[in-house]
Structure formats: structure tokens, C-alpha cells
Amino acid sequence: MSSSSICTNPERRRLLRAAVLLACAGWCGQAAAQDWRAVLPQAQAIGGGDLTWFGLRIYRATLWSASKPVDLTQPFALQLHYYRDISRQRLVGTSIDEIRRLSRAPIADTTLKRWEAQLLAAFVDVSAGDELTGVYLPGHGMQLYDRQRLLAELDDDALARAFFDIWLNPQSRDQKLRQRLMGAQP
């Protein structure tokens, strides 16, 4: 069958048009799913602040949620805008150290190693000006985005809760930042 017969047959033309529209709709839907805001369309900035270490600004953190005050049992996003270059190894190592420190009960070494491997696969090296956003999906886990690109989906709710506790747990290392993230005025 020649390409001209496809174009002249009204039924085939309609089928071809439908196939093209479906392909475009699928592509557009996939592109929209790559944006963390598509997951939380009603999200608003709840609060934010800088993490500093010995006077050096490391990153700016912003907490996003559809509800204010934030309900940590509902989906939310934590956005980090980096002021410094940090290797993925360092990001993961620091995260695992903080998860271990904040845990109410000891976490099995096998679990920590599995979480470390998941985070290593998900994270990227960051440079000054880069932005990473983690989206917490209660009961499922989390998604990690680099600007508007989906980097990873981690289907491990326990890891996701432990990871976001680094910033949101009442025992978080930087209490002033935690209060600012939760919307308290400085």
C-alpha cells in the first residue's frame, strides 16, 4: 500500500490523525509528569531559609505544600537551591548519617546499605546554582527532580519519611531552618 492511498482514504486518514493525536497526548502527558509541580499543582511556598555551616551558605531550602500550615501526612515538596558544589557521594553520606542520628530505633545495617544504594542511584553531583526537589508521596515514597526533570522515583515510604526528617524532624540539626521551613517568622 502506498503512502498516497493512506492519505486519500478518509477512514485511514482519520485513524492516522487519531494515532498522531494519541502519541502527542502521551508525549505531552509524560512531559508534564516530569515537572514536580504537576504532582502538587496547588503547592504554595510554606517557608524557607538558608543552611549555613561556619558562616558559609550551603543551600536555600523551601518547603512547598497545598495546605498551610503544612500537613506532613499529605504530599509536599522540599526544594534545595545549592550555593556550593557538592558531590553525590557527600550528599548521600551526609543524608545517611543524619537518618541514622535521627532514628528513634536502631536501623539495620542492611536497610541503611539498601537506602544508601537507592540514594546513590537517585542523586547527582550538584554545582552552585543547581536545584534539587524532593516530593514526598505518603504511603509510596518520594520523587527526586533536578529543576524540572524527574531523576528518580523511590518506592520506599520508610526511606522517604527518614529522608525528609533530616529537615522536618523536631530533632533536626538546624532548628532555625526547620522553624522557617514550617512557616515560622524569624
C-alpha atoms as a PDB file:
ATOM      1  CA  MET A   1       0.000   0.000   0.000  1.00  0.00           C
ATOM      2  CA  SER A   2       1.443   3.384  -0.953  1.00  0.00           C
ATOM      3  CA  SER A   3       1.577   6.394   1.321  1.00  0.00           C
ATOM      4  CA  SER A   4      -0.729   8.245  -1.081  1.00  0.00           C
ATOM      5  CA  SER A   5      -3.502   5.678  -0.534  1.00  0.00           C
ATOM      6  CA  ILE A   6      -3.270   6.258   3.229  1.00  0.00           C
ATOM      7  CA  CYS A   7      -3.760   9.984   2.743  1.00  0.00           C
ATOM      8  CA  THR A   8      -6.650   9.675   0.277  1.00  0.00           C
ATOM      9  CA  ASN A   9      -8.699   7.104   2.179  1.00  0.00           C
ATOM     10  CA  PRO A  10     -10.865   9.117   4.670  1.00  0.00           C
ATOM     11  CA  GLU A  11     -11.100   6.251   7.183  1.00  0.00           C
ATOM     12  CA  ARG A  12      -7.352   5.712   7.210  1.00  0.00           C
ATOM     13  CA  ARG A  13      -6.716   9.439   7.371  1.00  0.00           C
ATOM     14  CA  ARG A  14      -8.952   9.652  10.440  1.00  0.00           C
ATOM     15  CA  LEU A  15      -7.165   6.667  12.047  1.00  0.00           C
ATOM     16  CA  LEU A  16      -3.762   8.161  11.278  1.00  0.00           C
ATOM     17  CA  ARG A  17      -4.828  11.513  12.765  1.00  0.00           C
ATOM     18  CA  ALA A  18      -6.138   9.746  15.892  1.00  0.00           C
ATOM     19  CA  ALA A  19      -2.867   7.811  16.258  1.00  0.00           C
ATOM     20  CA  VAL A  20      -0.845  11.026  15.930  1.00  0.00           C
ATOM     21  CA  LEU A  21      -3.060  12.803  18.482  1.00  0.00           C
ATOM     22  CA  LEU A  22      -2.749   9.898  20.929  1.00  0.00           C
ATOM     23  CA  ALA A  23       1.009   9.847  20.523  1.00  0.00           C
ATOM     24  CA  CYS A  24       1.185  13.610  21.117  1.00  0.00           C
ATOM     25  CA  ALA A  25      -1.115  13.367  24.129  1.00  0.00           C
ATOM     26  CA  GLY A  26       1.040  10.630  25.602  1.00  0.00           C
ATOM     27  CA  TRP A  27       4.197  12.626  24.984  1.00  0.00           C
ATOM     28  CA  CYS A  28       2.685  15.808  26.465  1.00  0.00           C
ATOM     29  CA  GLY A  29       1.391  13.890  29.488  1.00  0.00           C
ATOM     30  CA  GLN A  30       4.815  12.356  30.015  1.00  0.00           C
ATOM     31  CA  ALA A  31       6.474  15.775  29.722  1.00  0.00           C
ATOM     32  CA  ALA A  32       4.043  17.239  32.252  1.00  0.00           C
ATOM     33  CA  ALA A  33       4.730  14.376  34.655  1.00  0.00           C
ATOM     34  CA  GLN A  34       8.400  15.364  34.575  1.00  0.00           C
ATOM     35  CA  ASP A  35       7.592  18.624  36.412  1.00  0.00           C
ATOM     36  CA  TRP A  36       7.268  18.255  40.212  1.00  0.00           C
ATOM     37  CA  ARG A  37       4.576  20.948  40.218  1.00  0.00           C
ATOM     38  CA  ALA A  38       2.343  18.627  38.184  1.00  0.00           C
ATOM     39  CA  VAL A  39       2.376  16.286  41.189  1.00  0.00           C
ATOM     40  CA  LEU A  40       1.481  19.149  43.579  1.00  0.00           C
ATOM     41  CA  PRO A  41      -0.460  21.643  41.428  1.00  0.00           C
ATOM     42  CA  GLN A  42      -1.862  23.530  44.440  1.00  0.00           C
ATOM     43  CA  ALA A  43       1.513  23.807  46.186  1.00  0.00           C
ATOM     44  CA  GLN A  44       2.493  27.100  47.732  1.00  0.00           C
ATOM     45  CA  ALA A  45       5.717  28.043  49.465  1.00  0.00           C
ATOM     46  CA  ILE A  46       5.214  27.494  53.206  1.00  0.00           C
ATOM     47  CA  GLY A  47       8.605  28.759  54.317  1.00  0.00           C
ATOM     48  CA  GLY A  48      12.294  28.666  53.649  1.00  0.00           C
ATOM     49  CA  GLY A  49      15.747  29.649  54.700  1.00  0.00           C
ATOM     50  CA  ASP A  50      19.454  29.117  54.201  1.00  0.00           C
ATOM     51  CA  LEU A  51      21.528  26.320  55.663  1.00  0.00           C
ATOM     52  CA  THR A  52      24.887  27.711  56.718  1.00  0.00           C
ATOM     53  CA  TRP A  53      27.962  25.998  58.070  1.00  0.00           C
ATOM     54  CA  PHE A  54      30.602  28.126  59.792  1.00  0.00           C
ATOM     55  CA  GLY A  55      29.133  31.181  58.089  1.00  0.00           C
ATOM     56  CA  LEU A  56      29.163  29.665  54.588  1.00  0.00           C
ATOM     57  CA  ARG A  57      25.844  29.385  52.784  1.00  0.00           C
ATOM     58  CA  ILE A  58      25.368  25.793  51.601  1.00  0.00           C
ATOM     59  CA  TYR A  59      21.838  25.872  50.152  1.00  0.00           C
ATOM     60  CA  ARG A  60      18.483  27.611  50.291  1.00  0.00           C
ATOM     61  CA  ALA A  61      15.627  25.292  51.315  1.00  0.00           C
ATOM     62  CA  THR A  62      11.954  25.921  50.541  1.00  0.00           C
ATOM     63  CA  LEU A  63       9.040  23.772  51.728  1.00  0.00           C
ATOM     64  CA  TRP A  64       6.029  23.556  49.378  1.00  0.00           C
ATOM     65  CA  SER A  65       2.578  22.229  50.301  1.00  0.00           C
ATOM     66  CA  ALA A  66      -1.053  22.527  49.260  1.00  0.00           C
ATOM     67  CA  SER A  67      -2.029  23.215  52.867  1.00  0.00           C
ATOM     68  CA  LYS A  68      -0.858  25.939  55.203  1.00  0.00           C
ATOM     69  CA  PRO A  69       0.098  25.089  57.862  1.00  0.00           C
ATOM     70  CA  VAL A  70       1.764  22.109  56.255  1.00  0.00           C
ATOM     71  CA  ASP A  71       0.313  18.664  56.981  1.00  0.00           C
ATOM     72  CA  LEU A  72       3.282  16.275  56.862  1.00  0.00           C
ATOM     73  CA  THR A  73       0.926  13.326  56.336  1.00  0.00           C
ATOM     74  CA  GLN A  74      -0.001  14.789  52.918  1.00  0.00           C
ATOM     75  CA  PRO A  75       2.210  15.208  49.824  1.00  0.00           C
ATOM     76  CA  PHE A  76       4.726  18.062  49.987  1.00  0.00           C
ATOM     77  CA  ALA A  77       7.949  19.119  48.286  1.00  0.00           C
ATOM     78  CA  LEU A  78      11.293  20.250  49.643  1.00  0.00           C
ATOM     79  CA  GLN A  79      13.339  22.305  47.208  1.00  0.00           C
ATOM     80  CA  LEU A  80      17.073  22.885  47.704  1.00  0.00           C
ATOM     81  CA  HIS A  81      18.906  25.569  45.721  1.00  0.00           C
ATOM     82  CA  TYR A  82      22.640  24.996  46.126  1.00  0.00           C
ATOM     83  CA  TYR A  83      25.214  27.754  46.637  1.00  0.00           C
ATOM     84  CA  ARG A  84      28.158  25.308  46.532  1.00  0.00           C
ATOM     85  CA  ASP A  85      29.392  22.318  44.573  1.00  0.00           C
ATOM     86  CA  ILE A  86      28.719  19.067  46.447  1.00  0.00           C
ATOM     87  CA  SER A  87      29.390  15.546  45.221  1.00  0.00           C
ATOM     88  CA  ARG A  88      26.627  12.992  45.144  1.00  0.00           C
ATOM     89  CA  GLN A  89      28.742  10.805  47.470  1.00  0.00           C
ATOM     90  CA  ARG A  90      28.828  13.584  50.051  1.00  0.00           C
ATOM     91  CA  LEU A  91      25.090  14.300  49.726  1.00  0.00           C
ATOM     92  CA  VAL A  92      24.269  10.632  50.272  1.00  0.00           C
ATOM     93  CA  GLY A  93      26.806  10.119  53.078  1.00  0.00           C
ATOM     94  CA  THR A  94      25.520  13.140  54.991  1.00  0.00           C
ATOM     95  CA  SER A  95      21.913  12.031  54.440  1.00  0.00           C
ATOM     96  CA  ILE A  96      22.570   8.518  55.756  1.00  0.00           C
ATOM     97  CA  ASP A  97      24.458   9.924  58.777  1.00  0.00           C
ATOM     98  CA  GLU A  98      21.520  12.197  59.621  1.00  0.00           C
ATOM     99  CA  ILE A  99      18.958   9.440  59.068  1.00  0.00           C
ATOM    100  CA  ARG A 100      20.921   7.249  61.483  1.00  0.00           C
ATOM    101  CA  ARG A 101      21.222  10.076  64.046  1.00  0.00           C
ATOM    102  CA  LEU A 102      17.509  10.951  63.936  1.00  0.00           C
ATOM    103  CA  SER A 103      16.183   7.399  64.080  1.00  0.00           C
ATOM    104  CA  ARG A 104      14.213   6.610  67.224  1.00  0.00           C
ATOM    105  CA  ALA A 105      15.253   2.965  66.988  1.00  0.00           C
ATOM    106  CA  PRO A 106      18.378   1.426  65.504  1.00  0.00           C
ATOM    107  CA  ILE A 107      18.122   0.861  61.752  1.00  0.00           C
ATOM    108  CA  ALA A 108      19.535  -2.443  60.492  1.00  0.00           C
ATOM    109  CA  ASP A 109      22.799  -2.121  58.579  1.00  0.00           C
ATOM    110  CA  THR A 110      21.222  -3.961  55.638  1.00  0.00           C
ATOM    111  CA  THR A 111      18.451  -1.359  55.496  1.00  0.00           C
ATOM    112  CA  LEU A 112      20.927   1.545  55.666  1.00  0.00           C
ATOM    113  CA  LYS A 113      23.028  -0.024  52.900  1.00  0.00           C
ATOM    114  CA  ARG A 114      19.922  -0.516  50.726  1.00  0.00           C
ATOM    115  CA  TRP A 115      18.860   3.102  51.328  1.00  0.00           C
ATOM    116  CA  GLU A 116      22.367   4.334  50.583  1.00  0.00           C
ATOM    117  CA  ALA A 117      22.357   2.436  47.271  1.00  0.00           C
ATOM    118  CA  GLN A 118      18.931   3.853  46.366  1.00  0.00           C
ATOM    119  CA  LEU A 119      20.054   7.410  47.134  1.00  0.00           C
ATOM    120  CA  LEU A 120      23.324   6.963  45.224  1.00  0.00           C
ATOM    121  CA  ALA A 121      21.346   5.835  42.184  1.00  0.00           C
ATOM    122  CA  ALA A 122      18.928   8.775  42.516  1.00  0.00           C
ATOM    123  CA  PHE A 123      21.214  11.692  43.384  1.00  0.00           C
ATOM    124  CA  VAL A 124      23.538  13.661  41.131  1.00  0.00           C
ATOM    125  CA  ASP A 125      26.563  15.844  41.819  1.00  0.00           C
ATOM    126  CA  VAL A 126      25.390  19.420  42.344  1.00  0.00           C
ATOM    127  CA  SER A 127      27.074  22.664  41.384  1.00  0.00           C
ATOM    128  CA  ALA A 128      26.440  26.171  42.632  1.00  0.00           C
ATOM    129  CA  GLY A 129      23.105  27.260  41.145  1.00  0.00           C
ATOM    130  CA  ASP A 130      21.677  23.738  40.812  1.00  0.00           C
ATOM    131  CA  GLU A 131      18.331  22.863  42.324  1.00  0.00           C
ATOM    132  CA  LEU A 132      17.005  19.533  43.588  1.00  0.00           C
ATOM    133  CA  THR A 133      13.415  18.994  44.686  1.00  0.00           C
ATOM    134  CA  GLY A 134      12.179  16.006  46.634  1.00  0.00           C
ATOM    135  CA  VAL A 135       8.447  15.269  46.603  1.00  0.00           C
ATOM    136  CA  TYR A 136       7.066  13.196  49.482  1.00  0.00           C
ATOM    137  CA  LEU A 137       4.250  10.844  48.474  1.00  0.00           C
ATOM    138  CA  PRO A 138       2.823   9.351  51.701  1.00  0.00           C
ATOM    139  CA  GLY A 139       2.429   5.602  51.621  1.00  0.00           C
ATOM    140  CA  HIS A 140       4.517   5.319  48.455  1.00  0.00           C
ATOM    141  CA  GLY A 141       7.877   7.050  48.800  1.00  0.00           C
ATOM    142  CA  MET A 142       9.362  10.021  47.019  1.00  0.00           C
ATOM    143  CA  GLN A 143      10.335  11.502  43.698  1.00  0.00           C
ATOM    144  CA  LEU A 144      13.517  13.470  43.092  1.00  0.00           C
ATOM    145  CA  TYR A 145      13.732  16.224  40.471  1.00  0.00           C
ATOM    146  CA  ASP A 146      16.618  18.246  39.058  1.00  0.00           C
ATOM    147  CA  ARG A 147      14.931  21.544  38.136  1.00  0.00           C
ATOM    148  CA  GLN A 148      12.024  20.227  36.045  1.00  0.00           C
ATOM    149  CA  ARG A 149      13.420  16.760  35.188  1.00  0.00           C
ATOM    150  CA  LEU A 150      12.433  13.629  37.099  1.00  0.00           C
ATOM    151  CA  LEU A 151      15.640  11.949  38.286  1.00  0.00           C
ATOM    152  CA  ALA A 152      14.210   9.059  40.300  1.00  0.00           C
ATOM    153  CA  GLU A 153      11.184   7.523  41.967  1.00  0.00           C
ATOM    154  CA  LEU A 154      11.947   5.729  45.210  1.00  0.00           C
ATOM    155  CA  ASP A 155       9.088   3.434  46.222  1.00  0.00           C
ATOM    156  CA  ASP A 156      10.140   3.131  49.861  1.00  0.00           C
ATOM    157  CA  ASP A 157       7.936   5.044  52.292  1.00  0.00           C
ATOM    158  CA  ALA A 158      10.232   4.409  55.283  1.00  0.00           C
ATOM    159  CA  LEU A 159      13.216   5.834  53.405  1.00  0.00           C
ATOM    160  CA  ALA A 160      11.194   8.839  52.256  1.00  0.00           C
ATOM    161  CA  ARG A 161       9.999   9.639  55.792  1.00  0.00           C
ATOM    162  CA  ALA A 162      13.526   9.232  57.192  1.00  0.00           C
ATOM    163  CA  PHE A 163      14.982  11.385  54.410  1.00  0.00           C
ATOM    164  CA  PHE A 164      12.580  14.316  54.901  1.00  0.00           C
ATOM    165  CA  ASP A 165      13.039  14.065  58.664  1.00  0.00           C
ATOM    166  CA  ILE A 166      16.537  15.447  58.079  1.00  0.00           C
ATOM    167  CA  TRP A 167      14.872  18.863  57.721  1.00  0.00           C
ATOM    168  CA  LEU A 168      11.454  18.443  59.332  1.00  0.00           C
ATOM    169  CA  ASN A 169      12.036  16.310  62.435  1.00  0.00           C
ATOM    170  CA  PRO A 170      11.815  18.258  65.737  1.00  0.00           C
ATOM    171  CA  GLN A 171      15.369  16.980  66.414  1.00  0.00           C
ATOM    172  CA  SER A 172      16.723  18.245  63.079  1.00  0.00           C
ATOM    173  CA  ARG A 173      20.258  19.605  63.272  1.00  0.00           C
ATOM    174  CA  ASP A 174      19.268  23.170  62.249  1.00  0.00           C
ATOM    175  CA  GLN A 175      16.244  24.133  64.349  1.00  0.00           C
ATOM    176  CA  LYS A 176      16.071  27.691  62.987  1.00  0.00           C
ATOM    177  CA  LEU A 177      15.885  26.379  59.427  1.00  0.00           C
ATOM    178  CA  ARG A 178      13.233  23.841  60.437  1.00  0.00           C
ATOM    179  CA  GLN A 179      11.104  26.580  62.020  1.00  0.00           C
ATOM    180  CA  ARG A 180      11.451  28.759  58.917  1.00  0.00           C
ATOM    181  CA  LEU A 181      10.525  25.854  56.659  1.00  0.00           C
ATOM    182  CA  MET A 182       7.404  25.242  58.742  1.00  0.00           C
ATOM    183  CA  GLY A 183       6.408  28.882  58.206  1.00  0.00           C
ATOM    184  CA  ALA A 184       7.525  30.449  61.487  1.00  0.00           C
ATOM    185  CA  GLN A 185       8.760  34.024  61.110  1.00  0.00           C
ATOM    186  CA  PRO A 186      12.407  34.652  62.046  1.00  0.00           C
END
